[in-house]
Amino acid sequence: MKKKLYRIYGVMLVIMLLTACNGDFFTPSYTEGPITEDAIWTTDRRVREFLNNGYNYLLGRYNVDGNGALLASACDEAVNSNLSSSINCINNGTWGPLKIFDSQYSNLYSGLRVVNMFLEKSPKSVIFPASDLSGLRGEAFFLRAMYHFELFKRYGAIVLANRTFEFTENLNLPRNTVEEVVNSIVMDCDSVIKQIPQAATSDWDVANYGRATKAAGMALKAKTLLIYASPYYNTTNDLARWQKAADAAKALMDLNKHSLLSATDYPNLWNYSNTATAYNKEVIFATPAGSTNTIESYNAPIGFTGGLGRTNPTQDLVDAFEMKVGKPISDPTSGYDPKNPYLNRDPRLNLFIVFNGSTFKTGSLSRAVETFDGGLDNVSTNANRTKTGYYMRKFLSTSATYNITSVTNVRRPWVFFRYAEILLIYAEALNEAVGPTTEVYGAVNAVRVRAGMPVLPVGLTQPQMRDRIKNERRVELCFEEERFYDLRRWNEGETYLNAPVRGMKITKSGTTLTYTPFVVETRLFSKKNYLFPVPQTEINKASNLSQNPEY
């Protein structure tokens, strides 16, 4: 662990922390000129600014390689059109301690120091009114739990940072056990639930939208317990772990502060054009919403001016979308037609993925996308053309422009928790704990019906329900960084990630289109890849930290 993370802040660093807040959300910083560290805690405004800085370590996930990649391209959801992207080290077997990707190790421990300092200093600081202190500390507990969670899901056992460390201490520390890490996160989440008075974002005034809430603490608790209950960590299938995860999700559901958007509003789930829509009733917790059009420019089809088409969904993901009648395309009675493969499919296919013939953009820029060989969006001379025959639609605004002469930005946060996932966490955990009960069916069907899909057939066995829930997660939560970690917690990496990923080659002759699945690339996954490699620079500084197995 880097010793520099635990050095006492100098005056200039303190000033940097105070002025780093995002003015788009929360109270902006008014601090000017040099101040002493002690002075931070004697002024209400500065104390709050210090906590605000703690939010700056949250991870926005629309660009994980510096060139527009999403983590979806590091699993079987997508291929990145930029073949030189650093994200490919995860797919080609070169990922390791000297070739890290998306580590976030130093960033997250830096965030932990900030929130720990707040938790240690705030009890004797100036807060007005004093009654606000409990809620502010609850926010800090959430951030501490969140940063530990982000480390946990990457590295497994980690060194817990539940206090600030000083430079003079022995920092060559061993990791805490996974159980200790999980218990620490859950304990902090319980503090969030107890101390933050705002149950949901709507309970904050508009100027404070984006702060932690009781519901955010509940969601983080449920997600942590779900990972701990899953096969990778729960090797003996302790049913009590699954029940605890189900109970945590149910507590959030019973809070009755969040719900699914209606079927009518569902297409606008990622429409964050203003503060109100950025935190709709389905969004439980998200980063502050900055105004940008880079998400569109990085991911729009290449035939639209400025589009780089980075995230190319795989045929494997497309095949996971059922037919509109509720049957998988592999079912011979489903009505699937390989000569017209996108007809009568789950409506979410068109909401989340751009396929040949689907309409993209609005108004005068609207047209049918052409991903057939030689089409407007699959020109052989363009290095960024789709590698799979598909482009990603999810998250993209059809109103944003991103060419040289015309720029329209769209407000866009990264959503960490939304209500649909809580329902699926509840369904998965309860199914594993007790089997496919009425409550399990109800949670899954709520997600399906909202999307325009029929309810699941009655009489499913526990393994059958398990498979349907996994597929529902794959479809509903695609591109949201769930699949990458789901396959790891389910212990299914060798099955799905150590295999070829496929695309769809489309040729056009006259008006006739021919669809032929093909292998885009073969990927490598080994047992060590269930966890991230600890950066070698960290091991060099703290030998007791130890490397994850087989790296």
Protein backbone atom coordinates (compact mmCIF):
# COMPACT_ATOMS: atom_id res chain seq x y z
CA MET A 1 0.00 0.00 0.00
CA LYS A 2 1.44 3.34 -0.93
CA LYS A 3 2.86 5.16 2.06
CA LYS A 4 2.07 8.47 0.46
CA LEU A 5 -1.63 7.75 0.92
CA TYR A 6 -1.22 8.07 4.67
CA ARG A 7 0.98 11.15 5.00
CA ILE A 8 -0.44 14.03 6.97
CA TYR A 9 -1.90 16.59 4.60
CA GLY A 10 0.16 19.70 3.98
CA VAL A 11 -1.49 23.09 3.68
CA MET A 12 -1.50 23.15 -0.11
CA LEU A 13 -3.02 19.67 -0.35
CA VAL A 14 -5.76 20.66 2.05
CA ILE A 15 -6.57 23.67 -0.14
CA MET A 16 -6.72 21.40 -3.18
CA LEU A 17 -9.15 19.10 -1.41
CA LEU A 18 -11.38 21.96 -0.44
CA THR A 19 -11.56 23.43 -3.92
CA ALA A 20 -12.01 20.17 -5.84
CA CYS A 21 -15.77 19.93 -5.35
CA ASN A 22 -18.01 19.72 -8.36
CA GLY A 23 -19.96 22.96 -8.46
CA ASP A 24 -22.74 21.25 -10.40
CA PHE A 25 -23.92 19.54 -7.21
CA PHE A 26 -23.69 20.31 -3.49
CA THR A 27 -22.59 23.60 -1.96
CA PRO A 28 -19.72 25.07 -4.02
CA SER A 29 -16.40 25.91 -2.38
CA TYR A 30 -15.84 29.52 -1.35
CA THR A 31 -12.52 28.96 0.39
CA GLU A 32 -9.76 31.21 -0.93
CA GLY A 33 -6.16 31.64 0.10
CA PRO A 34 -3.98 29.50 2.38
CA ILE A 35 -5.48 28.10 5.56
CA THR A 36 -4.20 25.79 8.27
CA GLU A 37 -5.50 22.27 8.59
CA ASP A 38 -7.00 23.01 11.99
CA ALA A 39 -8.94 25.90 10.48
CA ILE A 40 -10.93 23.49 8.33
CA TRP A 41 -12.74 22.13 11.35
CA THR A 42 -13.61 25.48 12.92
CA THR A 43 -15.87 26.67 10.10
CA ASP A 44 -19.15 25.02 9.18
CA ARG A 45 -18.73 25.72 5.47
CA ARG A 46 -15.23 24.24 5.34
CA VAL A 47 -16.26 21.11 7.20
CA ARG A 48 -19.02 20.50 4.68
CA GLU A 49 -16.65 21.22 1.78
CA PHE A 50 -14.24 18.62 3.12
CA LEU A 51 -16.98 15.98 3.10
CA ASN A 52 -18.04 17.09 -0.38
CA ASN A 53 -14.54 16.29 -1.56
CA GLY A 54 -15.07 12.71 -0.41
CA TYR A 55 -17.58 12.27 -3.22
CA ASN A 56 -14.95 13.10 -5.83
CA TYR A 57 -13.47 9.60 -5.58
CA LEU A 58 -16.61 7.93 -6.86
CA LEU A 59 -15.91 6.17 -10.13
CA GLY A 60 -17.54 7.44 -13.30
CA ARG A 61 -17.50 4.44 -15.63
CA TYR A 62 -18.26 5.66 -19.16
CA ASN A 63 -14.58 5.79 -20.09
CA VAL A 64 -12.33 3.24 -18.38
CA ASP A 65 -9.36 3.33 -20.76
CA GLY A 66 -9.09 7.03 -21.54
CA ASN A 67 -10.44 6.38 -25.03
CA GLY A 68 -14.12 5.65 -24.51
CA ALA A 69 -14.12 1.98 -23.50
CA LEU A 70 -16.70 0.49 -21.17
CA LEU A 71 -15.90 -2.50 -18.97
CA ALA A 72 -18.49 -4.41 -21.01
CA SER A 73 -15.74 -4.89 -23.60
CA ALA A 74 -13.76 -6.92 -21.05
CA CYS A 75 -16.42 -9.63 -20.88
CA ASP A 76 -18.74 -11.39 -23.32
CA GLU A 77 -21.03 -8.36 -23.69
CA ALA A 78 -18.97 -6.38 -26.18
CA VAL A 79 -15.86 -5.88 -28.27
CA ASN A 80 -14.07 -2.53 -28.31
CA SER A 81 -13.63 -1.13 -31.82
CA ASN A 82 -10.28 0.33 -30.81
CA LEU A 83 -8.13 -2.80 -31.09
CA SER A 84 -5.20 -1.04 -29.41
CA SER A 85 -7.24 -0.19 -26.30
CA SER A 86 -5.58 -1.13 -23.02
CA ILE A 87 -8.79 -2.90 -22.01
CA ASN A 88 -7.78 -5.81 -24.25
CA CYS A 89 -5.14 -6.95 -21.76
CA ILE A 90 -8.03 -8.47 -19.79
CA ASN A 91 -9.12 -10.48 -22.83
CA ASN A 92 -5.81 -11.65 -24.29
CA GLY A 93 -4.08 -13.13 -21.25
CA THR A 94 -1.57 -10.32 -20.62
CA TRP A 95 -3.34 -8.85 -17.58
CA GLY A 96 -1.03 -8.92 -14.58
CA PRO A 97 0.73 -6.98 -11.78
CA LEU A 98 2.91 -5.16 -14.29
CA LYS A 99 0.11 -4.58 -16.78
CA ILE A 100 -2.79 -3.43 -14.69
CA PHE A 101 -6.14 -2.12 -15.88
CA ASP A 102 -8.83 -0.22 -13.97
CA SER A 103 -6.98 -0.88 -10.72
CA GLN A 104 -8.24 2.24 -8.90
CA TYR A 105 -6.10 1.07 -5.98
CA SER A 106 -4.48 4.38 -5.05
CA ASN A 107 -7.57 6.42 -5.93
CA LEU A 108 -9.83 4.44 -3.61
CA TYR A 109 -7.43 4.48 -0.68
CA SER A 110 -7.03 8.23 -1.17
CA GLY A 111 -10.80 8.56 -0.92
CA LEU A 112 -10.78 6.42 2.20
CA ARG A 113 -8.30 8.76 3.85
CA VAL A 114 -10.51 11.75 3.17
CA VAL A 115 -13.66 10.20 4.63
CA ASN A 116 -11.79 8.72 7.59
CA MET A 117 -10.33 12.10 8.40
CA PHE A 118 -13.82 13.56 8.30
CA LEU A 119 -15.15 10.83 10.61
CA GLU A 120 -12.31 11.43 13.08
CA LYS A 121 -12.37 15.23 13.05
CA SER A 122 -16.06 15.98 12.65
CA PRO A 123 -17.27 15.16 16.19
CA LYS A 124 -15.33 18.17 17.54
CA SER A 125 -15.82 20.39 14.50
CA VAL A 126 -18.15 23.34 13.99
CA ILE A 127 -21.41 22.22 12.38
CA PHE A 128 -24.46 24.45 12.27
CA PRO A 129 -27.02 23.36 13.09
CA ALA A 130 -25.37 20.72 15.28
CA SER A 131 -28.21 18.32 14.48
CA ASP A 132 -26.78 17.96 10.95
CA LEU A 133 -23.68 16.19 12.24
CA SER A 134 -25.23 12.73 12.42
CA GLY A 135 -26.42 12.85 8.81
CA LEU A 136 -23.10 14.18 7.54
CA ARG A 137 -21.29 11.38 9.30
CA GLY A 138 -23.76 8.95 7.77
CA GLU A 139 -22.70 10.18 4.32
CA ALA A 140 -19.06 9.60 5.23
CA PHE A 141 -19.87 6.08 6.40
CA PHE A 142 -21.52 5.44 3.05
CA LEU A 143 -18.49 6.67 1.13
CA ARG A 144 -16.17 4.55 3.27
CA ALA A 145 -18.33 1.50 2.64
CA MET A 146 -18.49 2.29 -1.06
CA TYR A 147 -14.73 2.63 -1.48
CA HIS A 148 -14.10 -0.57 0.46
CA PHE A 149 -16.71 -2.29 -1.72
CA GLU A 150 -15.03 -1.15 -4.93
CA LEU A 151 -11.75 -2.57 -3.64
CA PHE A 152 -13.40 -5.77 -2.41
CA LYS A 153 -15.10 -6.60 -5.70
CA ARG A 154 -11.78 -6.15 -7.49
CA TYR A 155 -9.28 -7.71 -5.11
CA GLY A 156 -11.25 -9.86 -2.66
CA ALA A 157 -9.48 -9.65 0.69
CA ILE A 158 -8.04 -6.16 1.20
CA VAL A 159 -6.43 -4.05 3.90
CA LEU A 160 -9.27 -2.28 5.66
CA ALA A 161 -8.76 1.43 6.15
CA ASN A 162 -11.22 2.27 8.91
CA ARG A 163 -9.01 5.04 10.26
CA THR A 164 -6.37 7.40 8.98
CA PHE A 165 -2.83 6.09 9.07
CA GLU A 166 0.19 8.23 9.80
CA PHE A 167 3.45 8.20 7.89
CA THR A 168 5.34 7.17 11.01
CA GLU A 169 3.39 3.92 11.35
CA ASN A 170 4.39 0.51 10.05
CA LEU A 171 2.32 0.35 6.88
CA ASN A 172 3.49 -3.09 5.77
CA LEU A 173 0.12 -4.55 6.66
CA PRO A 174 -1.44 -7.89 5.73
CA ARG A 175 -4.90 -8.08 4.26
CA ASN A 176 -8.00 -8.52 6.34
CA THR A 177 -10.07 -11.61 5.64
CA VAL A 178 -12.98 -11.49 3.23
CA GLU A 179 -15.35 -12.00 6.15
CA GLU A 180 -13.84 -9.05 7.99
CA VAL A 181 -14.11 -6.88 4.89
CA VAL A 182 -17.75 -7.80 4.32
CA ASN A 183 -18.62 -7.24 7.98
CA SER A 184 -16.94 -3.83 7.90
CA ILE A 185 -18.87 -2.73 4.81
CA VAL A 186 -22.16 -3.99 6.26
CA MET A 187 -21.48 -2.24 9.58
CA ASP A 188 -20.87 1.06 7.81
CA CYS A 189 -24.02 0.56 5.73
CA ASP A 190 -25.99 0.03 8.93
CA SER A 191 -24.60 3.35 10.19
CA VAL A 192 -25.78 4.98 6.95
CA ILE A 193 -29.26 3.55 7.39
CA LYS A 194 -29.41 4.70 11.00
CA GLN A 195 -27.90 8.16 10.63
CA ILE A 196 -28.94 9.71 7.31
CA PRO A 197 -32.45 11.17 7.68
CA GLN A 198 -33.07 11.36 3.92
CA ALA A 199 -34.51 8.02 2.83
CA ALA A 200 -34.17 8.73 -0.91
CA THR A 201 -32.85 11.41 -3.24
CA SER A 202 -36.28 13.02 -3.43
CA ASP A 203 -35.98 13.79 0.28
CA TRP A 204 -33.03 16.09 -0.39
CA ASP A 205 -33.52 19.60 -1.72
CA VAL A 206 -32.51 19.93 -5.37
CA ALA A 207 -29.18 21.55 -4.55
CA ASN A 208 -28.14 18.38 -2.72
CA TYR A 209 -29.32 15.76 -5.21
CA GLY A 210 -26.64 13.12 -5.51
CA ARG A 211 -25.84 12.76 -1.84
CA ALA A 212 -26.04 9.42 -0.08
CA THR A 213 -29.36 8.27 1.38
CA LYS A 214 -30.73 5.45 3.52
CA ALA A 215 -31.72 3.65 0.33
CA ALA A 216 -28.18 3.95 -1.04
CA GLY A 217 -26.84 2.34 2.12
CA MET A 218 -29.41 -0.43 1.84
CA ALA A 219 -28.54 -1.06 -1.81
CA LEU A 220 -24.81 -1.24 -1.08
CA LYS A 221 -25.45 -3.62 1.81
CA ALA A 222 -27.58 -5.91 -0.36
CA LYS A 223 -25.02 -5.97 -3.17
CA THR A 224 -22.15 -6.70 -0.81
CA LEU A 225 -24.03 -9.57 0.82
CA LEU A 226 -25.01 -10.93 -2.61
CA ILE A 227 -21.36 -11.19 -3.66
CA TYR A 228 -20.47 -12.82 -0.35
CA ALA A 229 -23.30 -15.35 -0.77
CA SER A 230 -22.32 -16.22 -4.34
CA PRO A 231 -20.38 -19.39 -5.28
CA TYR A 232 -16.95 -17.78 -5.57
CA TYR A 233 -16.94 -16.96 -1.85
CA ASN A 234 -19.71 -19.26 -0.60
CA THR A 235 -18.07 -22.57 -1.46
CA THR A 236 -20.26 -24.57 0.94
CA ASN A 237 -23.46 -22.87 -0.24
CA ASP A 238 -24.35 -21.52 3.17
CA LEU A 239 -28.04 -20.71 2.68
CA ALA A 240 -27.99 -18.24 5.56
CA ARG A 241 -25.77 -15.93 3.47
CA TRP A 242 -28.30 -15.95 0.66
CA GLN A 243 -31.10 -15.20 3.10
CA LYS A 244 -29.21 -12.23 4.52
CA ALA A 245 -28.78 -10.82 1.01
CA ALA A 246 -32.48 -11.33 0.30
CA ASP A 247 -33.43 -9.65 3.58
CA ALA A 248 -31.22 -6.65 2.82
CA ALA A 249 -32.82 -6.19 -0.61
CA LYS A 250 -36.30 -6.62 0.85
CA ALA A 251 -35.62 -3.92 3.44
CA LEU A 252 -35.01 -1.47 0.62
CA MET A 253 -38.13 -2.60 -1.20
CA ASP A 254 -40.17 -2.18 1.99
CA LEU A 255 -38.81 1.36 2.38
CA ASN A 256 -41.19 2.16 -0.47
CA LYS A 257 -39.19 5.14 -1.66
CA HIS A 258 -37.99 3.76 -5.00
CA SER A 259 -39.77 1.86 -7.74
CA LEU A 260 -39.50 0.92 -11.39
CA LEU A 261 -40.23 3.54 -13.98
CA SER A 262 -43.38 2.86 -15.94
CA ALA A 263 -43.24 1.10 -19.29
CA THR A 264 -43.89 4.47 -20.92
CA ASP A 265 -41.06 6.22 -19.08
CA TYR A 266 -38.65 3.29 -19.31
CA PRO A 267 -37.02 4.46 -22.58
CA ASN A 268 -36.10 7.67 -20.76
CA LEU A 269 -34.34 5.93 -17.87
CA TRP A 270 -30.99 7.31 -19.05
CA ASN A 271 -32.36 10.70 -20.05
CA TYR A 272 -30.72 13.05 -17.56
CA SER A 273 -31.32 16.33 -19.33
CA ASN A 274 -32.08 18.05 -16.04
CA THR A 275 -31.62 17.49 -12.33
CA ALA A 276 -35.05 15.96 -11.80
CA THR A 277 -34.69 13.25 -14.44
CA ALA A 278 -31.10 12.56 -13.38
CA TYR A 279 -32.46 11.23 -10.13
CA ASN A 280 -35.74 9.61 -11.08
CA LYS A 281 -37.48 7.15 -8.80
CA GLU A 282 -35.59 4.16 -10.21
CA VAL A 283 -32.14 5.67 -9.59
CA ILE A 284 -31.03 4.90 -6.03
CA PHE A 285 -27.52 6.33 -6.17
CA ALA A 286 -25.42 7.86 -8.94
CA THR A 287 -22.45 10.13 -9.48
CA PRO A 288 -23.05 13.84 -9.97
CA ALA A 289 -24.33 14.50 -13.49
CA GLY A 290 -21.83 16.39 -15.57
CA SER A 291 -22.72 17.85 -18.96
CA THR A 292 -20.95 16.03 -21.78
CA ASN A 293 -21.44 14.56 -25.23
CA THR A 294 -18.39 12.31 -25.19
CA ILE A 295 -20.49 9.23 -24.39
CA GLU A 296 -22.34 9.75 -27.67
CA SER A 297 -19.24 10.59 -29.67
CA TYR A 298 -17.37 7.56 -28.35
CA ASN A 299 -20.22 5.13 -28.96
CA ALA A 300 -22.46 6.38 -31.79
CA PRO A 301 -22.30 4.44 -35.09
CA ILE A 302 -19.51 5.65 -37.36
CA GLY A 303 -21.91 6.77 -40.09
CA PHE A 304 -23.10 9.62 -37.87
CA THR A 305 -20.72 12.58 -37.84
CA GLY A 306 -18.33 12.31 -34.92
CA GLY A 307 -19.32 8.76 -33.95
CA LEU A 308 -16.47 6.42 -32.99
CA GLY A 309 -18.58 3.33 -32.29
CA ARG A 310 -16.36 2.06 -29.48
CA THR A 311 -18.67 -0.45 -27.75
CA ASN A 312 -19.76 -3.22 -30.14
CA PRO A 313 -22.21 -5.68 -28.55
CA THR A 314 -21.52 -9.35 -29.22
CA GLN A 315 -23.81 -11.81 -30.90
CA ASP A 316 -23.67 -13.74 -27.63
CA LEU A 317 -25.38 -10.83 -25.86
CA VAL A 318 -27.89 -10.31 -28.67
CA ASP A 319 -28.85 -13.98 -28.51
CA ALA A 320 -29.67 -13.60 -24.81
CA PHE A 321 -32.66 -11.39 -25.65
CA GLU A 322 -35.72 -13.62 -25.83
CA MET A 323 -38.50 -13.55 -28.35
CA LYS A 324 -41.43 -11.29 -27.50
CA VAL A 325 -43.46 -14.37 -26.52
CA GLY A 326 -41.03 -14.99 -23.67
CA LYS A 327 -39.11 -17.94 -25.09
CA PRO A 328 -35.37 -18.07 -25.81
CA ILE A 329 -34.42 -18.06 -29.48
CA SER A 330 -33.02 -21.59 -29.03
CA ASP A 331 -36.55 -22.87 -28.41
CA PRO A 332 -37.86 -24.23 -31.75
CA THR A 333 -41.37 -23.05 -30.79
CA SER A 334 -40.27 -19.46 -30.12
CA GLY A 335 -40.85 -18.23 -33.68
CA TYR A 336 -37.26 -17.08 -34.15
CA ASP A 337 -36.33 -16.60 -37.80
CA PRO A 338 -32.56 -16.57 -38.51
CA LYS A 339 -33.32 -14.84 -41.82
CA ASN A 340 -35.00 -11.99 -39.94
CA PRO A 341 -33.26 -12.25 -36.58
CA TYR A 342 -34.42 -9.01 -34.93
CA LEU A 343 -38.15 -9.43 -35.58
CA ASN A 344 -40.46 -9.87 -32.58
CA ARG A 345 -37.69 -9.80 -30.00
CA ASP A 346 -37.64 -8.55 -26.42
CA PRO A 347 -38.27 -4.77 -26.77
CA ARG A 348 -35.11 -4.12 -24.76
CA LEU A 349 -33.03 -5.31 -27.71
CA ASN A 350 -33.97 -2.16 -29.61
CA LEU A 351 -33.63 0.02 -26.50
CA PHE A 352 -30.12 -1.15 -25.68
CA ILE A 353 -28.51 -2.21 -28.97
CA VAL A 354 -28.25 -0.69 -32.44
CA PHE A 355 -28.66 -3.42 -35.06
CA ASN A 356 -28.93 -3.35 -38.82
CA GLY A 357 -32.13 -1.59 -39.86
CA SER A 358 -32.86 0.01 -36.50
CA THR A 359 -33.37 3.77 -36.39
CA PHE A 360 -30.80 6.01 -34.72
CA LYS A 361 -30.99 9.74 -33.89
CA THR A 362 -34.04 11.97 -34.24
CA GLY A 363 -35.33 14.65 -36.57
CA SER A 364 -33.45 15.38 -39.77
CA LEU A 365 -30.50 13.23 -38.66
CA SER A 366 -32.63 10.13 -38.18
CA ARG A 367 -32.07 7.17 -40.47
CA ALA A 368 -31.88 3.39 -40.51
CA VAL A 369 -28.50 2.07 -39.42
CA GLU A 370 -26.57 0.06 -42.00
CA THR A 371 -24.18 -2.48 -40.49
CA PHE A 372 -24.14 -4.77 -43.49
CA ASP A 373 -20.81 -5.02 -45.29
CA GLY A 374 -20.23 -1.72 -47.10
CA GLY A 375 -23.16 0.00 -45.37
CA LEU A 376 -22.95 3.55 -44.05
CA ASP A 377 -22.02 2.25 -40.59
CA ASN A 378 -19.68 -0.51 -41.71
CA VAL A 379 -17.32 1.13 -44.18
CA SER A 380 -14.17 -0.94 -44.59
CA THR A 381 -11.89 2.12 -44.75
CA ASN A 382 -12.98 3.31 -41.29
CA ALA A 383 -10.82 1.68 -38.58
CA ASN A 384 -13.57 2.26 -36.02
CA ARG A 385 -16.28 0.37 -37.87
CA THR A 386 -18.21 -2.18 -35.86
CA LYS A 387 -16.31 -5.39 -35.22
CA THR A 388 -19.49 -7.36 -34.43
CA GLY A 389 -22.24 -5.92 -36.65
CA TYR A 390 -23.73 -4.00 -33.71
CA TYR A 391 -23.37 -0.73 -31.80
CA MET A 392 -24.45 0.14 -28.27
CA ARG A 393 -27.56 2.30 -27.82
CA LYS A 394 -27.98 2.19 -24.04
CA PHE A 395 -27.04 5.45 -22.27
CA LEU A 396 -26.91 7.42 -25.56
CA SER A 397 -29.04 10.49 -26.02
CA THR A 398 -30.58 10.92 -29.46
CA SER A 399 -30.64 14.69 -28.95
CA ALA A 400 -26.92 15.17 -28.36
CA THR A 401 -24.77 16.38 -31.22
CA TYR A 402 -21.07 15.72 -31.33
CA ASN A 403 -19.61 17.01 -34.55
CA ILE A 404 -17.08 19.77 -35.00
CA THR A 405 -19.53 22.56 -35.80
CA SER A 406 -22.44 21.65 -33.55
CA VAL A 407 -22.11 20.49 -29.96
CA THR A 408 -24.98 19.70 -27.61
CA ASN A 409 -24.08 18.35 -24.19
CA VAL A 410 -26.28 16.08 -22.11
CA ARG A 411 -26.18 15.69 -18.35
CA ARG A 412 -25.07 12.19 -17.54
CA PRO A 413 -24.26 10.51 -14.20
CA TRP A 414 -23.06 6.95 -13.79
CA VAL A 415 -25.77 5.00 -11.96
CA PHE A 416 -24.41 2.68 -9.27
CA PHE A 417 -27.71 1.30 -7.99
CA ARG A 418 -31.16 1.25 -9.53
CA TYR A 419 -34.34 -0.40 -8.39
CA ALA A 420 -34.51 -3.04 -11.14
CA GLU A 421 -31.26 -4.52 -9.86
CA ILE A 422 -32.55 -4.60 -6.29
CA LEU A 423 -35.52 -6.67 -7.46
CA LEU A 424 -33.18 -9.06 -9.24
CA ILE A 425 -30.87 -9.28 -6.21
CA TYR A 426 -33.88 -10.16 -4.09
CA ALA A 427 -35.10 -12.76 -6.57
CA GLU A 428 -31.70 -14.41 -6.95
CA ALA A 429 -30.91 -14.51 -3.25
CA LEU A 430 -34.35 -15.74 -2.22
CA ASN A 431 -34.40 -18.40 -4.92
CA GLU A 432 -31.05 -19.73 -3.67
CA ALA A 433 -32.20 -19.60 -0.06
CA VAL A 434 -35.65 -21.20 -0.33
CA GLY A 435 -36.44 -21.86 -4.00
CA PRO A 436 -38.79 -20.26 -6.57
CA THR A 437 -41.45 -18.80 -4.28
CA THR A 438 -44.25 -16.45 -5.24
CA GLU A 439 -42.03 -13.58 -4.06
CA VAL A 440 -39.22 -14.67 -6.39
CA TYR A 441 -41.61 -14.78 -9.34
CA GLY A 442 -43.05 -11.40 -8.38
CA ALA A 443 -39.68 -9.65 -8.33
CA VAL A 444 -38.49 -11.06 -11.66
CA ASN A 445 -41.82 -10.57 -13.36
CA ALA A 446 -41.98 -6.93 -12.28
CA VAL A 447 -38.79 -6.27 -14.26
CA ARG A 448 -39.99 -8.29 -17.25
CA VAL A 449 -43.48 -6.83 -17.47
CA ARG A 450 -42.18 -3.29 -17.23
CA ALA A 451 -39.98 -4.04 -20.23
CA GLY A 452 -42.92 -5.39 -22.24
CA MET A 453 -42.18 -9.08 -21.70
CA PRO A 454 -44.57 -11.79 -20.46
CA VAL A 455 -44.28 -13.26 -16.98
CA LEU A 456 -42.21 -16.38 -16.43
CA PRO A 457 -43.97 -19.74 -16.79
CA VAL A 458 -45.14 -21.28 -13.53
CA GLY A 459 -43.61 -24.45 -12.19
CA LEU A 460 -39.94 -23.64 -12.74
CA THR A 461 -37.49 -25.64 -10.66
CA GLN A 462 -34.84 -23.86 -8.61
CA PRO A 463 -32.11 -24.44 -11.26
CA GLN A 464 -34.48 -23.29 -14.02
CA MET A 465 -35.35 -20.16 -12.09
CA ARG A 466 -31.67 -19.57 -11.44
CA ASP A 467 -30.97 -19.64 -15.17
CA ARG A 468 -33.85 -17.28 -15.93
CA ILE A 469 -32.70 -14.79 -13.28
CA LYS A 470 -29.14 -14.89 -14.60
CA ASN A 471 -30.37 -14.19 -18.09
CA GLU A 472 -32.64 -11.43 -16.86
CA ARG A 473 -29.64 -9.77 -15.24
CA ARG A 474 -27.66 -10.21 -18.45
CA VAL A 475 -30.32 -8.44 -20.50
CA GLU A 476 -31.70 -5.80 -18.15
CA LEU A 477 -28.32 -4.73 -16.76
CA CYS A 478 -26.20 -5.04 -19.89
CA PHE A 479 -23.31 -2.55 -20.19
CA GLU A 480 -23.78 -1.48 -16.54
CA GLU A 481 -20.70 -3.37 -15.31
CA GLU A 482 -22.76 -6.16 -13.80
CA ARG A 483 -21.94 -9.01 -16.19
CA PHE A 484 -18.17 -8.59 -15.72
CA TYR A 485 -18.52 -9.18 -11.97
CA ASP A 486 -21.52 -11.53 -12.12
CA LEU A 487 -19.55 -14.16 -14.03
CA ARG A 488 -16.81 -13.92 -11.45
CA ARG A 489 -19.02 -14.22 -8.39
CA TRP A 490 -20.89 -17.12 -10.05
CA ASN A 491 -17.58 -18.90 -10.72
CA GLU A 492 -18.40 -19.07 -14.43
CA GLY A 493 -15.44 -17.23 -15.88
CA GLU A 494 -13.89 -20.29 -17.52
CA THR A 495 -17.21 -21.11 -19.18
CA TYR A 496 -18.06 -17.73 -20.68
CA LEU A 497 -14.83 -15.73 -20.77
CA ASN A 498 -12.33 -18.36 -21.92
CA ALA A 499 -14.08 -18.69 -25.25
CA PRO A 500 -14.63 -16.99 -28.60
CA VAL A 501 -16.98 -14.03 -28.84
CA ARG A 502 -19.17 -13.80 -31.93
CA GLY A 503 -20.56 -11.14 -34.20
CA MET A 504 -22.98 -11.10 -37.14
CA LYS A 505 -21.71 -10.72 -40.68
CA ILE A 506 -24.42 -9.24 -42.86
CA THR A 507 -24.17 -9.17 -46.63
CA LYS A 508 -26.58 -7.43 -48.97
CA SER A 509 -27.42 -8.51 -52.50
CA GLY A 510 -30.06 -6.31 -54.05
CA THR A 511 -32.69 -6.13 -51.32
CA THR A 512 -31.77 -9.49 -49.80
CA LEU A 513 -29.82 -9.60 -46.55
CA THR A 514 -27.91 -12.69 -45.43
CA TYR A 515 -26.99 -13.10 -41.76
CA THR A 516 -24.02 -15.27 -40.80
CA PRO A 517 -22.67 -15.47 -37.24
CA PHE A 518 -18.86 -15.47 -37.07
CA VAL A 519 -16.10 -15.53 -34.47
CA VAL A 520 -14.74 -12.05 -33.82
CA GLU A 521 -11.94 -13.06 -31.49
CA THR A 522 -10.93 -15.78 -29.06
CA ARG A 523 -10.38 -14.72 -25.49
CA LEU A 524 -8.38 -16.13 -22.59
CA PHE A 525 -9.46 -16.50 -18.98
CA SER A 526 -7.74 -18.48 -16.25
CA LYS A 527 -8.43 -19.07 -12.58
CA LYS A 528 -6.32 -16.12 -11.47
CA ASN A 529 -8.54 -13.72 -13.43
CA TYR A 530 -11.39 -14.01 -10.95
CA LEU A 531 -9.60 -11.27 -9.01
CA PHE A 532 -7.64 -8.24 -10.16
CA PRO A 533 -3.86 -8.36 -9.84
CA VAL A 534 -2.51 -6.11 -7.11
CA PRO A 535 -0.20 -3.57 -8.78
CA GLN A 536 3.39 -4.69 -8.39
CA THR A 537 4.31 -1.21 -7.21
CA GLU A 538 2.13 -1.80 -4.15
CA ILE A 539 3.63 -5.22 -3.44
CA ASN A 540 7.10 -3.71 -3.65
CA LYS A 541 6.21 -1.25 -0.93
CA ALA A 542 4.37 -3.65 1.38
CA SER A 543 5.41 -7.28 1.09
CA ASN A 544 2.83 -8.41 3.67
CA LEU A 545 0.11 -7.28 1.30
CA SER A 546 0.74 -10.37 -0.87
CA GLN A 547 -0.30 -10.90 -4.48
CA ASN A 548 -3.57 -12.50 -5.52
CA PRO A 549 -3.18 -16.21 -6.37
CA GLU A 550 -1.33 -17.27 -9.54
CA TYR A 551 -0.31 -13.78 -10.69
